[in-house]
Amino acid sequence: MTHSNTLNFSVLDLASITQGGSASVSFRHTLDLARQAEKWGYRRFWMAEHHGMPGIASSATSVLIGHVAGGTSTIRVGSGGIMLPNHAPLVIAEQFGTLESLYPGRIDLGLGRAPGSDQAVSRVLRREHGGAGEDFPAMLAELRAYFQPDDAPSNGIVRAIPGEGLNVPIWLLGSSGFSAQLAAQLGLPFAFASHFAPDYLMPALELYRENFRPSAVLDKPCAMIGVNVTAADTEQEAKRLATSQQQAFLNMIRGRFAQLPPPVDSMDGLWTPYEEAALTRQFGFAVVGDKEQVRARLKGIIESTGADELIIASQIYDHDARLRSYELVAEVGRELQG
């Protein structure tokens, strides 16, 4: 993988389960969005591993990646991300080796070290391993080794079949400096979760770029950043659509995980002043507006961060409205690239 100077736009889909909906409906919408994203010129379509959340259906991330890759033809499909400490590295190598064998040249493996849920779920998933991902570097090294060609098949070392010898691009994902530092040391591409940890974006990018060591994978840093975008034909409609995600986050900070709620005309009366301040800070990096406003805001983000790629997250209740949002962002992307 070499570094490209082309600014790419990609999609991060959480396979949201809307209020009154189901995982089955969510998966149909996910595939429809992926097909449209492919048509509109998005570079990648990534899905994230979350567990035990009534509003997110992408827990079996590898299975869903296969579903989406099988229903599209050119867009890259991958994880944003697989939470590696939840799994044996061999299993992930086999799963993504299988995906790469089925859909050659189209699979990405983005890796994180968080549990993708709360501590109770983490204990169930990680069992005797426990911990908070401290052994992530060792697990990553083991995983990468499984993808290496086996020059001595009879040496008794455990092998990933399929997986061995396949080129599955690995990205490190993070919301702090840990993965930024590790990605820099290993010369890997880095994706920062600025869509939910905006305060740490610039320090993490600086850490990554300043410490980057060229590798066989990359000759210079390659940074992707997550951006929440809610775009609509009018600013008023965009602000209304964005209240679904605001309500979802409000539920989360109150300790209630729920399905994605429909939008409301106003958040007044739904939150306390303290909660409003917390949401304003959380979504300080979010982009909400009509096409012109979205273009201006994304242009500013690209210029201030020097990002090589934007991965767009849009938690919008109505499927058609979500499609329209991504269509508008794709138009903006083409204009900014041109």
C-alpha atoms as a PDB file:
ATOM      1  CA  MET A   1       0.000   0.000   0.000  1.00  0.00           C
ATOM      2  CA  THR A   2       1.455   3.331  -0.987  1.00  0.00           C
ATOM      3  CA  HIS A   3       0.324   6.768   0.035  1.00  0.00           C
ATOM      4  CA  SER A   4      -2.031   8.640  -2.269  1.00  0.00           C
ATOM      5  CA  ASN A   5      -2.475  12.397  -2.493  1.00  0.00           C
ATOM      6  CA  THR A   6      -6.111  11.941  -3.499  1.00  0.00           C
ATOM      7  CA  LEU A   7      -8.611  12.988  -0.856  1.00  0.00           C
ATOM      8  CA  ASN A   8     -11.012  10.094  -0.312  1.00  0.00           C
ATOM      9  CA  PHE A   9     -14.486  10.083   1.200  1.00  0.00           C
ATOM     10  CA  SER A  10     -15.788   6.924   2.861  1.00  0.00           C
ATOM     11  CA  VAL A  11     -18.805   5.698   4.837  1.00  0.00           C
ATOM     12  CA  LEU A  12     -18.961   4.472   8.438  1.00  0.00           C
ATOM     13  CA  ASP A  13     -22.229   2.622   9.015  1.00  0.00           C
ATOM     14  CA  LEU A  14     -23.352   1.542  12.481  1.00  0.00           C
ATOM     15  CA  ALA A  15     -26.281  -0.510  11.124  1.00  0.00           C
ATOM     16  CA  SER A  16     -28.574   1.527  13.359  1.00  0.00           C
ATOM     17  CA  ILE A  17     -31.775  -0.125  14.555  1.00  0.00           C
ATOM     18  CA  THR A  18     -34.421   2.571  14.537  1.00  0.00           C
ATOM     19  CA  GLN A  19     -37.294   2.801  16.996  1.00  0.00           C
ATOM     20  CA  GLY A  20     -39.907   0.316  15.879  1.00  0.00           C
ATOM     21  CA  GLY A  21     -37.448  -1.328  13.490  1.00  0.00           C
ATOM     22  CA  SER A  22     -35.400  -4.522  13.625  1.00  0.00           C
ATOM     23  CA  ALA A  23     -31.948  -5.854  12.786  1.00  0.00           C
ATOM     24  CA  SER A  24     -33.387  -7.353   9.598  1.00  0.00           C
ATOM     25  CA  VAL A  25     -34.598  -3.950   8.402  1.00  0.00           C
ATOM     26  CA  SER A  26     -31.298  -2.390   9.461  1.00  0.00           C
ATOM     27  CA  PHE A  27     -29.328  -4.865   7.325  1.00  0.00           C
ATOM     28  CA  ARG A  28     -31.477  -4.161   4.264  1.00  0.00           C
ATOM     29  CA  HIS A  29     -30.851  -0.465   4.723  1.00  0.00           C
ATOM     30  CA  THR A  30     -27.116  -1.056   5.220  1.00  0.00           C
ATOM     31  CA  LEU A  31     -26.824  -2.925   1.928  1.00  0.00           C
ATOM     32  CA  ASP A  32     -28.912  -0.320   0.114  1.00  0.00           C
ATOM     33  CA  LEU A  33     -26.695   2.453   1.467  1.00  0.00           C
ATOM     34  CA  ALA A  34     -23.547   0.549   0.427  1.00  0.00           C
ATOM     35  CA  ARG A  35     -24.851   0.114  -3.113  1.00  0.00           C
ATOM     36  CA  GLN A  36     -25.689   3.804  -3.352  1.00  0.00           C
ATOM     37  CA  ALA A  37     -22.340   4.790  -1.812  1.00  0.00           C
ATOM     38  CA  GLU A  38     -20.584   2.707  -4.464  1.00  0.00           C
ATOM     39  CA  LYS A  39     -22.539   4.489  -7.187  1.00  0.00           C
ATOM     40  CA  TRP A  40     -21.766   7.902  -5.689  1.00  0.00           C
ATOM     41  CA  GLY A  41     -18.012   7.242  -5.625  1.00  0.00           C
ATOM     42  CA  TYR A  42     -17.254   6.617  -1.960  1.00  0.00           C
ATOM     43  CA  ARG A  43     -13.938   4.820  -1.427  1.00  0.00           C
ATOM     44  CA  ARG A  44     -14.837   2.486   1.459  1.00  0.00           C
ATOM     45  CA  PHE A  45     -17.802   1.217   3.416  1.00  0.00           C
ATOM     46  CA  TRP A  46     -16.837   0.316   6.970  1.00  0.00           C
ATOM     47  CA  MET A  47     -18.858  -1.164   9.823  1.00  0.00           C
ATOM     48  CA  ALA A  48     -18.100  -1.107  13.529  1.00  0.00           C
ATOM     49  CA  GLU A  49     -18.138  -3.832  16.168  1.00  0.00           C
ATOM     50  CA  HIS A  50     -20.506  -3.009  19.022  1.00  0.00           C
ATOM     51  CA  HIS A  51     -22.135  -5.404  21.468  1.00  0.00           C
ATOM     52  CA  GLY A  52     -25.250  -5.394  23.611  1.00  0.00           C
ATOM     53  CA  MET A  53     -26.593  -2.132  22.183  1.00  0.00           C
ATOM     54  CA  PRO A  54     -30.284  -2.166  21.187  1.00  0.00           C
ATOM     55  CA  GLY A  55     -29.679   0.523  18.571  1.00  0.00           C
ATOM     56  CA  ILE A  56     -26.698  -1.035  16.759  1.00  0.00           C
ATOM     57  CA  ALA A  57     -26.904  -4.294  14.780  1.00  0.00           C
ATOM     58  CA  SER A  58     -23.298  -4.721  13.618  1.00  0.00           C
ATOM     59  CA  SER A  59     -22.077  -7.003  16.429  1.00  0.00           C
ATOM     60  CA  ALA A  60     -21.147  -9.868  14.038  1.00  0.00           C
ATOM     61  CA  THR A  61     -19.084  -7.455  11.984  1.00  0.00           C
ATOM     62  CA  SER A  62     -17.286  -9.964   9.767  1.00  0.00           C
ATOM     63  CA  VAL A  63     -20.587 -11.592   8.767  1.00  0.00           C
ATOM     64  CA  LEU A  64     -22.069  -8.228   7.840  1.00  0.00           C
ATOM     65  CA  ILE A  65     -18.955  -7.270   5.848  1.00  0.00           C
ATOM     66  CA  GLY A  66     -19.447 -10.430   3.791  1.00  0.00           C
ATOM     67  CA  HIS A  67     -23.099  -9.550   3.212  1.00  0.00           C
ATOM     68  CA  VAL A  68     -22.246  -6.045   2.005  1.00  0.00           C
ATOM     69  CA  ALA A  69     -19.252  -7.111  -0.096  1.00  0.00           C
ATOM     70  CA  GLY A  70     -21.407  -9.786  -1.753  1.00  0.00           C
ATOM     71  CA  GLY A  71     -24.049  -7.215  -2.632  1.00  0.00           C
ATOM     72  CA  THR A  72     -21.642  -4.657  -4.124  1.00  0.00           C
ATOM     73  CA  SER A  73     -18.919  -4.916  -6.734  1.00  0.00           C
ATOM     74  CA  THR A  74     -16.219  -2.230  -6.471  1.00  0.00           C
ATOM     75  CA  ILE A  75     -16.348  -0.348  -3.161  1.00  0.00           C
ATOM     76  CA  ARG A  76     -13.882  -1.470  -0.491  1.00  0.00           C
ATOM     77  CA  VAL A  77     -15.657  -3.027   2.515  1.00  0.00           C
ATOM     78  CA  GLY A  78     -14.200  -3.414   5.961  1.00  0.00           C
ATOM     79  CA  SER A  79     -14.241  -2.893   9.687  1.00  0.00           C
ATOM     80  CA  GLY A  80     -14.078   0.372  11.489  1.00  0.00           C
ATOM     81  CA  GLY A  81     -13.299  -1.535  13.517  1.00  0.00           C
ATOM     82  CA  ILE A  82     -12.865  -5.031  14.795  1.00  0.00           C
ATOM     83  CA  MET A  83     -12.043  -4.850  18.511  1.00  0.00           C
ATOM     84  CA  LEU A  84      -9.067  -7.193  18.488  1.00  0.00           C
ATOM     85  CA  PRO A  85      -8.845  -7.927  22.254  1.00  0.00           C
ATOM     86  CA  ASN A  86     -12.344  -9.459  21.995  1.00  0.00           C
ATOM     87  CA  HIS A  87     -11.052 -12.197  19.684  1.00  0.00           C
ATOM     88  CA  ALA A  88      -8.256 -14.677  19.138  1.00  0.00           C
ATOM     89  CA  PRO A  89      -6.009 -13.160  16.431  1.00  0.00           C
ATOM     90  CA  LEU A  90      -6.099 -16.456  14.529  1.00  0.00           C
ATOM     91  CA  VAL A  91      -9.898 -16.232  14.226  1.00  0.00           C
ATOM     92  CA  ILE A  92      -9.716 -12.690  12.822  1.00  0.00           C
ATOM     93  CA  ALA A  93      -6.981 -13.749  10.373  1.00  0.00           C
ATOM     94  CA  GLU A  94      -9.167 -16.635   9.194  1.00  0.00           C
ATOM     95  CA  GLN A  95     -12.293 -14.503   8.934  1.00  0.00           C
ATOM     96  CA  PHE A  96     -10.613 -11.745   6.970  1.00  0.00           C
ATOM     97  CA  GLY A  97      -8.608 -14.244   4.954  1.00  0.00           C
ATOM     98  CA  THR A  98     -11.941 -15.777   3.982  1.00  0.00           C
ATOM     99  CA  LEU A  99     -13.398 -12.379   3.098  1.00  0.00           C
ATOM    100  CA  GLU A 100     -10.330 -11.434   1.039  1.00  0.00           C
ATOM    101  CA  SER A 101     -10.484 -14.795  -0.771  1.00  0.00           C
ATOM    102  CA  LEU A 102     -14.149 -14.217  -1.598  1.00  0.00           C
ATOM    103  CA  TYR A 103     -13.767 -10.542  -2.565  1.00  0.00           C
ATOM    104  CA  PRO A 104     -10.118 -10.061  -3.643  1.00  0.00           C
ATOM    105  CA  GLY A 105      -8.692  -6.573  -3.337  1.00  0.00           C
ATOM    106  CA  ARG A 106     -11.764  -5.138  -1.620  1.00  0.00           C
ATOM    107  CA  ILE A 107     -11.402  -5.944   2.096  1.00  0.00           C
ATOM    108  CA  ASP A 108     -10.004  -3.637   4.820  1.00  0.00           C
ATOM    109  CA  LEU A 109      -9.235  -4.611   8.406  1.00  0.00           C
ATOM    110  CA  GLY A 110      -9.522  -1.688  10.794  1.00  0.00           C
ATOM    111  CA  LEU A 111      -8.583  -2.630  14.368  1.00  0.00           C
ATOM    112  CA  GLY A 112      -9.402  -1.098  17.729  1.00  0.00           C
ATOM    113  CA  ARG A 113      -8.653  -2.122  21.298  1.00  0.00           C
ATOM    114  CA  ALA A 114     -11.818  -1.026  23.139  1.00  0.00           C
ATOM    115  CA  PRO A 115     -14.476  -3.610  24.052  1.00  0.00           C
ATOM    116  CA  GLY A 116     -17.134  -2.025  21.842  1.00  0.00           C
ATOM    117  CA  SER A 117     -19.548  -1.917  24.780  1.00  0.00           C
ATOM    118  CA  ASP A 118     -19.603  -1.724  28.579  1.00  0.00           C
ATOM    119  CA  GLN A 119     -17.528  -3.609  31.142  1.00  0.00           C
ATOM    120  CA  ALA A 120     -20.135  -6.330  31.664  1.00  0.00           C
ATOM    121  CA  VAL A 121     -20.060  -7.228  27.973  1.00  0.00           C
ATOM    122  CA  SER A 122     -16.272  -6.991  27.998  1.00  0.00           C
ATOM    123  CA  ARG A 123     -16.059  -9.584  30.789  1.00  0.00           C
ATOM    124  CA  VAL A 124     -18.290 -11.967  28.849  1.00  0.00           C
ATOM    125  CA  LEU A 125     -16.347 -11.512  25.611  1.00  0.00           C
ATOM    126  CA  ARG A 126     -12.812 -11.552  26.977  1.00  0.00           C
ATOM    127  CA  ARG A 127     -13.309 -14.049  29.807  1.00  0.00           C
ATOM    128  CA  GLU A 128      -9.934 -14.992  31.279  1.00  0.00           C
ATOM    129  CA  HIS A 129      -8.098 -12.348  29.256  1.00  0.00           C
ATOM    130  CA  GLY A 130      -9.862  -9.392  30.887  1.00  0.00           C
ATOM    131  CA  GLY A 131      -7.824  -6.216  30.834  1.00  0.00           C
ATOM    132  CA  ALA A 132      -8.294  -3.068  28.818  1.00  0.00           C
ATOM    133  CA  GLY A 133      -6.326  -3.961  25.722  1.00  0.00           C
ATOM    134  CA  GLU A 134      -2.830  -3.694  27.222  1.00  0.00           C
ATOM    135  CA  ASP A 135      -1.738  -6.693  25.151  1.00  0.00           C
ATOM    136  CA  PHE A 136      -3.011  -5.123  21.943  1.00  0.00           C
ATOM    137  CA  PRO A 137       0.485  -4.644  20.410  1.00  0.00           C
ATOM    138  CA  ALA A 138       1.313  -8.320  20.960  1.00  0.00           C
ATOM    139  CA  MET A 139      -2.055  -9.422  19.561  1.00  0.00           C
ATOM    140  CA  LEU A 140      -1.527  -7.165  16.539  1.00  0.00           C
ATOM    141  CA  ALA A 141       1.918  -8.663  15.910  1.00  0.00           C
ATOM    142  CA  GLU A 142       0.443 -12.159  16.090  1.00  0.00           C
ATOM    143  CA  LEU A 143      -2.373 -11.245  13.712  1.00  0.00           C
ATOM    144  CA  ARG A 144      -0.017  -9.681  11.167  1.00  0.00           C
ATOM    145  CA  ALA A 145       2.205 -12.757  11.300  1.00  0.00           C
ATOM    146  CA  TYR A 146      -0.710 -14.969  10.245  1.00  0.00           C
ATOM    147  CA  PHE A 147      -1.002 -13.018   6.986  1.00  0.00           C
ATOM    148  CA  GLN A 148       2.662 -13.546   6.120  1.00  0.00           C
ATOM    149  CA  PRO A 149       3.535 -16.180   3.474  1.00  0.00           C
ATOM    150  CA  ASP A 150       4.555 -19.483   5.043  1.00  0.00           C
ATOM    151  CA  ASP A 151       7.931 -20.406   3.549  1.00  0.00           C
ATOM    152  CA  ALA A 152       8.241 -23.598   5.605  1.00  0.00           C
ATOM    153  CA  PRO A 153       4.856 -25.369   5.712  1.00  0.00           C
ATOM    154  CA  SER A 154       6.117 -28.219   7.879  1.00  0.00           C
ATOM    155  CA  ASN A 155       7.619 -26.134  10.670  1.00  0.00           C
ATOM    156  CA  GLY A 156       4.748 -26.827  13.065  1.00  0.00           C
ATOM    157  CA  ILE A 157       3.729 -23.176  13.456  1.00  0.00           C
ATOM    158  CA  VAL A 158      -0.013 -22.465  13.545  1.00  0.00           C
ATOM    159  CA  ARG A 159      -1.213 -21.189  10.183  1.00  0.00           C
ATOM    160  CA  ALA A 160      -4.254 -19.160   9.112  1.00  0.00           C
ATOM    161  CA  ILE A 161      -5.930 -20.897   6.171  1.00  0.00           C
ATOM    162  CA  PRO A 162      -7.266 -18.851   4.424  1.00  0.00           C
ATOM    163  CA  GLY A 163      -5.326 -15.765   5.407  1.00  0.00           C
ATOM    164  CA  GLU A 164      -1.721 -16.778   4.922  1.00  0.00           C
ATOM    165  CA  GLY A 165       0.011 -14.775   2.181  1.00  0.00           C
ATOM    166  CA  LEU A 166      -2.972 -12.505   1.555  1.00  0.00           C
ATOM    167  CA  ASN A 167      -2.773  -8.727   1.421  1.00  0.00           C
ATOM    168  CA  VAL A 168      -5.460  -7.457   3.782  1.00  0.00           C
ATOM    169  CA  PRO A 169      -4.700  -3.787   4.559  1.00  0.00           C
ATOM    170  CA  ILE A 170      -4.624  -3.155   8.298  1.00  0.00           C
ATOM    171  CA  TRP A 171      -5.587   0.215   9.768  1.00  0.00           C
ATOM    172  CA  LEU A 172      -5.208   1.112  13.425  1.00  0.00           C
ATOM    173  CA  LEU A 173      -8.179   2.949  14.909  1.00  0.00           C
ATOM    174  CA  GLY A 174      -8.072   5.102  17.977  1.00  0.00           C
ATOM    175  CA  SER A 175      -9.641   7.818  20.101  1.00  0.00           C
ATOM    176  CA  SER A 176      -6.464   8.659  22.041  1.00  0.00           C
ATOM    177  CA  GLY A 177      -2.716   8.684  21.545  1.00  0.00           C
ATOM    178  CA  PHE A 178      -2.085   4.961  22.090  1.00  0.00           C
ATOM    179  CA  SER A 179      -2.969   3.705  18.605  1.00  0.00           C
ATOM    180  CA  ALA A 180      -1.568   6.863  17.004  1.00  0.00           C
ATOM    181  CA  GLN A 181       1.830   6.074  18.509  1.00  0.00           C
ATOM    182  CA  LEU A 182       1.643   2.395  17.591  1.00  0.00           C
ATOM    183  CA  ALA A 183       0.540   3.125  14.002  1.00  0.00           C
ATOM    184  CA  ALA A 184       3.449   5.547  13.675  1.00  0.00           C
ATOM    185  CA  GLN A 185       5.976   3.024  14.975  1.00  0.00           C
ATOM    186  CA  LEU A 186       4.741   0.305  12.610  1.00  0.00           C
ATOM    187  CA  GLY A 187       4.244   2.558   9.584  1.00  0.00           C
ATOM    188  CA  LEU A 188       0.533   1.740   9.330  1.00  0.00           C
ATOM    189  CA  PRO A 189      -2.398   3.942   8.298  1.00  0.00           C
ATOM    190  CA  PHE A 190      -4.258   5.515  11.197  1.00  0.00           C
ATOM    191  CA  ALA A 191      -7.954   6.352  11.581  1.00  0.00           C
ATOM    192  CA  PHE A 192      -9.026   8.639  14.411  1.00  0.00           C
ATOM    193  CA  ALA A 193     -12.527   8.505  15.887  1.00  0.00           C
ATOM    194  CA  SER A 194     -13.053  12.264  15.894  1.00  0.00           C
ATOM    195  CA  HIS A 195     -16.777  11.658  15.435  1.00  0.00           C
ATOM    196  CA  PHE A 196     -16.939  10.801  19.152  1.00  0.00           C
ATOM    197  CA  ALA A 197     -13.611  12.020  20.607  1.00  0.00           C
ATOM    198  CA  PRO A 198     -13.065  15.423  18.945  1.00  0.00           C
ATOM    199  CA  ASP A 199     -10.914  16.908  21.722  1.00  0.00           C
ATOM    200  CA  TYR A 200      -8.041  14.454  21.116  1.00  0.00           C
ATOM    201  CA  LEU A 201      -7.972  14.675  17.314  1.00  0.00           C
ATOM    202  CA  MET A 202      -5.201  17.206  16.758  1.00  0.00           C
ATOM    203  CA  PRO A 203      -2.830  15.840  19.459  1.00  0.00           C
ATOM    204  CA  ALA A 204      -3.274  12.306  18.072  1.00  0.00           C
ATOM    205  CA  LEU A 205      -2.602  13.397  14.486  1.00  0.00           C
ATOM    206  CA  GLU A 206       0.494  15.312  15.602  1.00  0.00           C
ATOM    207  CA  LEU A 207       1.754  12.297  17.546  1.00  0.00           C
ATOM    208  CA  TYR A 208       1.180  10.028  14.542  1.00  0.00           C
ATOM    209  CA  ARG A 209       2.865  12.281  12.001  1.00  0.00           C
ATOM    210  CA  GLU A 210       5.833  13.284  14.148  1.00  0.00           C
ATOM    211  CA  ASN A 211       6.705   9.694  15.065  1.00  0.00           C
ATOM    212  CA  PHE A 212       5.887   8.002  11.752  1.00  0.00           C
ATOM    213  CA  ARG A 213       8.423   5.499  10.469  1.00  0.00           C
ATOM    214  CA  PRO A 214       8.203   4.499   6.783  1.00  0.00           C
ATOM    215  CA  SER A 215       7.452   0.822   6.246  1.00  0.00           C
ATOM    216  CA  ALA A 216       6.743  -1.693   3.516  1.00  0.00           C
ATOM    217  CA  VAL A 217       3.104  -0.633   3.906  1.00  0.00           C
ATOM    218  CA  LEU A 218       3.441   3.165   3.731  1.00  0.00           C
ATOM    219  CA  ASP A 219       6.181   5.572   2.808  1.00  0.00           C
ATOM    220  CA  LYS A 220       4.541   8.490   4.637  1.00  0.00           C
ATOM    221  CA  PRO A 221       1.669   9.000   7.101  1.00  0.00           C
ATOM    222  CA  CYS A 222      -1.893   8.302   6.007  1.00  0.00           C
ATOM    223  CA  ALA A 223      -4.598   9.624   8.322  1.00  0.00           C
ATOM    224  CA  MET A 224      -8.347   9.128   8.157  1.00  0.00           C
ATOM    225  CA  ILE A 225     -10.708  11.024  10.434  1.00  0.00           C
ATOM    226  CA  GLY A 226     -14.312  10.278  11.365  1.00  0.00           C
ATOM    227  CA  VAL A 227     -16.838  13.065  10.935  1.00  0.00           C
ATOM    228  CA  ASN A 228     -20.507  13.112  11.907  1.00  0.00           C
ATOM    229  CA  VAL A 229     -22.431  14.702   9.051  1.00  0.00           C
ATOM    230  CA  THR A 230     -26.138  15.416   8.768  1.00  0.00           C
ATOM    231  CA  ALA A 231     -26.866  17.044   5.423  1.00  0.00           C
ATOM    232  CA  ALA A 232     -30.239  17.992   3.948  1.00  0.00           C
ATOM    233  CA  ASP A 233     -31.654  20.308   1.326  1.00  0.00           C
ATOM    234  CA  THR A 234     -32.303  22.962   3.982  1.00  0.00           C
ATOM    235  CA  GLU A 235     -30.483  23.902   7.172  1.00  0.00           C
ATOM    236  CA  GLN A 236     -33.719  23.599   9.156  1.00  0.00           C
ATOM    237  CA  GLU A 237     -34.298  20.030   7.987  1.00  0.00           C
ATOM    238  CA  ALA A 238     -30.684  19.045   8.703  1.00  0.00           C
ATOM    239  CA  LYS A 239     -30.925  20.390  12.256  1.00  0.00           C
ATOM    240  CA  ARG A 240     -34.160  18.466  12.758  1.00  0.00           C
ATOM    241  CA  LEU A 241     -32.654  15.204  11.454  1.00  0.00           C
ATOM    242  CA  ALA A 242     -29.631  15.633  13.742  1.00  0.00           C
ATOM    243  CA  THR A 243     -31.851  15.459  16.833  1.00  0.00           C
ATOM    244  CA  SER A 244     -32.063  11.665  16.459  1.00  0.00           C
ATOM    245  CA  GLN A 245     -28.351  11.308  17.174  1.00  0.00           C
ATOM    246  CA  GLN A 246     -28.539  13.937  19.911  1.00  0.00           C
ATOM    247  CA  GLN A 247     -31.324  12.001  21.631  1.00  0.00           C
ATOM    248  CA  ALA A 248     -29.359   8.757  21.259  1.00  0.00           C
ATOM    249  CA  PHE A 249     -26.316  10.311  22.928  1.00  0.00           C
ATOM    250  CA  LEU A 250     -28.526  11.815  25.632  1.00  0.00           C
ATOM    251  CA  ASN A 251     -29.885   8.340  26.375  1.00  0.00           C
ATOM    252  CA  MET A 252     -26.344   6.984  26.505  1.00  0.00           C
ATOM    253  CA  ILE A 253     -25.033   9.522  29.036  1.00  0.00           C
ATOM    254  CA  ARG A 254     -28.110   8.770  31.140  1.00  0.00           C
ATOM    255  CA  GLY A 255     -27.154   5.100  31.086  1.00  0.00           C
ATOM    256  CA  ARG A 256     -29.985   4.033  28.791  1.00  0.00           C
ATOM    257  CA  PHE A 257     -29.121   2.251  25.556  1.00  0.00           C
ATOM    258  CA  ALA A 258     -32.053   2.361  23.166  1.00  0.00           C
ATOM    259  CA  GLN A 259     -32.991   2.188  19.509  1.00  0.00           C
ATOM    260  CA  LEU A 260     -32.378   5.284  17.373  1.00  0.00           C
ATOM    261  CA  PRO A 261     -35.346   7.612  18.014  1.00  0.00           C
ATOM    262  CA  PRO A 262     -37.200   9.669  15.413  1.00  0.00           C
ATOM    263  CA  PRO A 263     -36.232  13.338  15.127  1.00  0.00           C
ATOM    264  CA  VAL A 264     -37.992  16.099  17.042  1.00  0.00           C
ATOM    265  CA  ASP A 265     -38.589  19.712  16.117  1.00  0.00           C
ATOM    266  CA  SER A 266     -36.657  20.945  19.135  1.00  0.00           C
ATOM    267  CA  MET A 267     -34.505  19.514  21.914  1.00  0.00           C
ATOM    268  CA  ASP A 268     -35.808  22.183  24.319  1.00  0.00           C
ATOM    269  CA  GLY A 269     -37.166  20.514  27.420  1.00  0.00           C
ATOM    270  CA  LEU A 270     -35.520  17.181  26.607  1.00  0.00           C
ATOM    271  CA  TRP A 271     -32.172  17.998  28.173  1.00  0.00           C
ATOM    272  CA  THR A 272     -30.846  19.878  31.181  1.00  0.00           C
ATOM    273  CA  PRO A 273     -28.432  22.806  30.662  1.00  0.00           C
ATOM    274  CA  TYR A 274     -25.593  20.512  31.790  1.00  0.00           C
ATOM    275  CA  GLU A 275     -26.608  17.811  29.284  1.00  0.00           C
ATOM    276  CA  GLU A 276     -26.944  20.376  26.513  1.00  0.00           C
ATOM    277  CA  ALA A 277     -23.411  21.597  27.233  1.00  0.00           C
ATOM    278  CA  ALA A 278     -22.099  18.009  27.204  1.00  0.00           C
ATOM    279  CA  LEU A 279     -23.746  17.300  23.844  1.00  0.00           C
ATOM    280  CA  THR A 280     -22.535  20.580  22.380  1.00  0.00           C
ATOM    281  CA  ARG A 281     -18.993  19.617  23.334  1.00  0.00           C
ATOM    282  CA  GLN A 282     -19.396  16.044  22.094  1.00  0.00           C
ATOM    283  CA  PHE A 283     -20.692  17.174  18.721  1.00  0.00           C
ATOM    284  CA  GLY A 284     -18.415  20.173  18.354  1.00  0.00           C
ATOM    285  CA  PHE A 285     -16.830  18.489  15.342  1.00  0.00           C
ATOM    286  CA  ALA A 286     -20.169  17.499  13.791  1.00  0.00           C
ATOM    287  CA  VAL A 287     -21.342  18.993  10.510  1.00  0.00           C
ATOM    288  CA  VAL A 288     -25.029  19.848  10.193  1.00  0.00           C
ATOM    289  CA  GLY A 289     -26.555  21.904   7.413  1.00  0.00           C
ATOM    290  CA  ASP A 290     -27.427  22.279   3.763  1.00  0.00           C
ATOM    291  CA  LYS A 291     -24.983  21.473   0.988  1.00  0.00           C
ATOM    292  CA  GLU A 292     -23.218  24.847   1.005  1.00  0.00           C
ATOM    293  CA  GLN A 293     -22.784  24.781   4.767  1.00  0.00           C
ATOM    294  CA  VAL A 294     -21.508  21.204   4.658  1.00  0.00           C
ATOM    295  CA  ARG A 295     -19.017  22.072   1.911  1.00  0.00           C
ATOM    296  CA  ALA A 296     -17.640  25.036   3.849  1.00  0.00           C
ATOM    297  CA  ARG A 297     -17.351  23.070   7.081  1.00  0.00           C
ATOM    298  CA  LEU A 298     -15.725  19.996   5.505  1.00  0.00           C
ATOM    299  CA  LYS A 299     -13.312  22.204   3.558  1.00  0.00           C
ATOM    300  CA  GLY A 300     -12.281  23.808   6.838  1.00  0.00           C
ATOM    301  CA  ILE A 301     -11.835  20.438   8.535  1.00  0.00           C
ATOM    302  CA  ILE A 302      -9.685  19.133   5.688  1.00  0.00           C
ATOM    303  CA  GLU A 303      -7.513  22.251   5.705  1.00  0.00           C
ATOM    304  CA  SER A 304      -7.070  22.322   9.491  1.00  0.00           C
ATOM    305  CA  THR A 305      -6.332  18.604   9.904  1.00  0.00           C
ATOM    306  CA  GLY A 306      -4.571  17.732   6.638  1.00  0.00           C
ATOM    307  CA  ALA A 307      -6.579  14.512   6.605  1.00  0.00           C
ATOM    308  CA  ASP A 308      -6.037  12.118   3.713  1.00  0.00           C
ATOM    309  CA  GLU A 309      -9.525  10.665   4.040  1.00  0.00           C
ATOM    310  CA  LEU A 310     -12.822  11.501   5.708  1.00  0.00           C
ATOM    311  CA  ILE A 311     -15.071   8.684   6.866  1.00  0.00           C
ATOM    312  CA  ILE A 312     -18.600   9.956   7.278  1.00  0.00           C
ATOM    313  CA  ALA A 313     -20.962   8.752  10.006  1.00  0.00           C
ATOM    314  CA  SER A 314     -24.628   9.736   9.719  1.00  0.00           C
ATOM    315  CA  GLN A 315     -27.096   8.442  12.282  1.00  0.00           C
ATOM    316  CA  ILE A 316     -30.344   9.527  10.666  1.00  0.00           C
ATOM    317  CA  TYR A 317     -33.676   7.922  11.528  1.00  0.00           C
ATOM    318  CA  ASP A 318     -35.316   7.986   8.093  1.00  0.00           C
ATOM    319  CA  HIS A 319     -33.555   5.817   5.534  1.00  0.00           C
ATOM    320  CA  ASP A 320     -34.351   8.041   2.552  1.00  0.00           C
ATOM    321  CA  ALA A 321     -33.138  11.097   4.456  1.00  0.00           C
ATOM    322  CA  ARG A 322     -29.914   9.270   5.314  1.00  0.00           C
ATOM    323  CA  LEU A 323     -29.391   8.378   1.663  1.00  0.00           C
ATOM    324  CA  ARG A 324     -29.951  12.009   0.699  1.00  0.00           C
ATOM    325  CA  SER A 325     -27.415  13.138   3.293  1.00  0.00           C
ATOM    326  CA  TYR A 326     -24.743  10.817   1.900  1.00  0.00           C
ATOM    327  CA  GLU A 327     -25.628  11.847  -1.651  1.00  0.00           C
ATOM    328  CA  LEU A 328     -25.098  15.514  -0.789  1.00  0.00           C
ATOM    329  CA  VAL A 329     -21.786  14.737   0.932  1.00  0.00           C
ATOM    330  CA  ALA A 330     -20.681  12.776  -2.165  1.00  0.00           C
ATOM    331  CA  GLU A 331     -21.432  15.831  -4.306  1.00  0.00           C
ATOM    332  CA  VAL A 332     -19.413  17.987  -1.924  1.00  0.00           C
ATOM    333  CA  GLY A 333     -16.580  15.434  -2.026  1.00  0.00           C
ATOM    334  CA  ARG A 334     -16.392  15.541  -5.808  1.00  0.00           C
ATOM    335  CA  GLU A 335     -16.348  19.328  -5.773  1.00  0.00           C
ATOM    336  CA  LEU A 336     -13.582  19.460  -3.153  1.00  0.00           C
ATOM    337  CA  GLN A 337     -11.558  16.832  -4.996  1.00  0.00           C
ATOM    338  CA  GLY A 338     -11.952  18.767  -8.251  1.00  0.00           C
END
